[in-house]
Amino acid sequence: MVIIAMVILLLLVPPNYSYSAGSEVNAFQLNAMAQSLLQYIVTNPGNPPIGA
């Protein structure tokens, strides 16, 4: 009886480990934005510019 209840419970609970393609695209967009921001931080002379 307990085993049957556990099987029914597992079938009724939606799986949270599945991911959609949208989350993968979002991860790529975040990675590209982070790369761009890091490039800006490294190459920007600052305010006021260094050596001014």
C-alpha atoms as a PDB file:
ATOM      1  CA  MET A   1       0.000   0.000   0.000  1.00  0.00           C
ATOM      2  CA  VAL A   2       2.809   2.421   0.869  1.00  0.00           C
ATOM      3  CA  ILE A   3       4.684   1.580  -2.338  1.00  0.00           C
ATOM      4  CA  ILE A   4       1.588   2.256  -4.447  1.00  0.00           C
ATOM      5  CA  ALA A   5       1.090   5.609  -2.705  1.00  0.00           C
ATOM      6  CA  MET A   6       4.734   6.537  -3.349  1.00  0.00           C
ATOM      7  CA  VAL A   7       4.457   5.634  -7.056  1.00  0.00           C
ATOM      8  CA  ILE A   8       1.282   7.714  -7.425  1.00  0.00           C
ATOM      9  CA  LEU A   9       2.935  10.633  -5.611  1.00  0.00           C
ATOM     10  CA  LEU A  10       5.979  10.485  -7.894  1.00  0.00           C
ATOM     11  CA  LEU A  11       3.757  10.498 -10.972  1.00  0.00           C
ATOM     12  CA  LEU A  12       1.734  13.492  -9.776  1.00  0.00           C
ATOM     13  CA  VAL A  13       4.684  15.701  -8.804  1.00  0.00           C
ATOM     14  CA  PRO A  14       6.025  17.588 -11.847  1.00  0.00           C
ATOM     15  CA  PRO A  15       9.768  17.169 -12.387  1.00  0.00           C
ATOM     16  CA  ASN A  16      11.795  20.281 -11.540  1.00  0.00           C
ATOM     17  CA  TYR A  17      15.015  19.057 -13.144  1.00  0.00           C
ATOM     18  CA  SER A  18      13.884  19.547 -16.737  1.00  0.00           C
ATOM     19  CA  TYR A  19      14.946  22.779 -18.418  1.00  0.00           C
ATOM     20  CA  SER A  20      13.717  24.486 -21.511  1.00  0.00           C
ATOM     21  CA  ALA A  21      15.742  25.717 -24.460  1.00  0.00           C
ATOM     22  CA  GLY A  22      14.963  29.266 -23.342  1.00  0.00           C
ATOM     23  CA  SER A  23      17.036  28.891 -20.196  1.00  0.00           C
ATOM     24  CA  GLU A  24      20.010  27.772 -22.270  1.00  0.00           C
ATOM     25  CA  VAL A  25      19.654  30.799 -24.558  1.00  0.00           C
ATOM     26  CA  ASN A  26      19.359  33.014 -21.491  1.00  0.00           C
ATOM     27  CA  ALA A  27      22.597  31.557 -20.113  1.00  0.00           C
ATOM     28  CA  PHE A  28      24.382  32.326 -23.400  1.00  0.00           C
ATOM     29  CA  GLN A  29      23.029  35.899 -23.357  1.00  0.00           C
ATOM     30  CA  LEU A  30      24.198  36.403 -19.776  1.00  0.00           C
ATOM     31  CA  ASN A  31      27.622  35.017 -20.655  1.00  0.00           C
ATOM     32  CA  ALA A  32      27.924  37.391 -23.634  1.00  0.00           C
ATOM     33  CA  MET A  33      26.859  40.360 -21.506  1.00  0.00           C
ATOM     34  CA  ALA A  34      29.347  39.450 -18.777  1.00  0.00           C
ATOM     35  CA  GLN A  35      32.150  39.164 -21.344  1.00  0.00           C
ATOM     36  CA  SER A  36      31.213  42.566 -22.791  1.00  0.00           C
ATOM     37  CA  LEU A  37      31.081  44.200 -19.368  1.00  0.00           C
ATOM     38  CA  LEU A  38      34.427  42.719 -18.366  1.00  0.00           C
ATOM     39  CA  GLN A  39      35.981  43.961 -21.619  1.00  0.00           C
ATOM     40  CA  TYR A  40      34.598  47.455 -20.902  1.00  0.00           C
ATOM     41  CA  ILE A  41      35.947  47.460 -17.348  1.00  0.00           C
ATOM     42  CA  VAL A  42      39.410  46.336 -18.428  1.00  0.00           C
ATOM     43  CA  THR A  43      39.787  48.710 -21.390  1.00  0.00           C
ATOM     44  CA  ASN A  44      38.072  51.850 -20.013  1.00  0.00           C
ATOM     45  CA  PRO A  45      40.577  54.484 -18.805  1.00  0.00           C
ATOM     46  CA  GLY A  46      38.287  55.505 -15.949  1.00  0.00           C
ATOM     47  CA  ASN A  47      36.926  58.812 -14.738  1.00  0.00           C
ATOM     48  CA  PRO A  48      39.032  60.900 -14.552  1.00  0.00           C
ATOM     49  CA  PRO A  49      41.312  59.163 -17.059  1.00  0.00           C
ATOM     50  CA  ILE A  50      44.525  57.781 -15.613  1.00  0.00           C
ATOM     51  CA  GLY A  51      47.415  60.143 -16.261  1.00  0.00           C
ATOM     52  CA  ALA A  52      45.255  63.230 -16.632  1.00  0.00           C
END
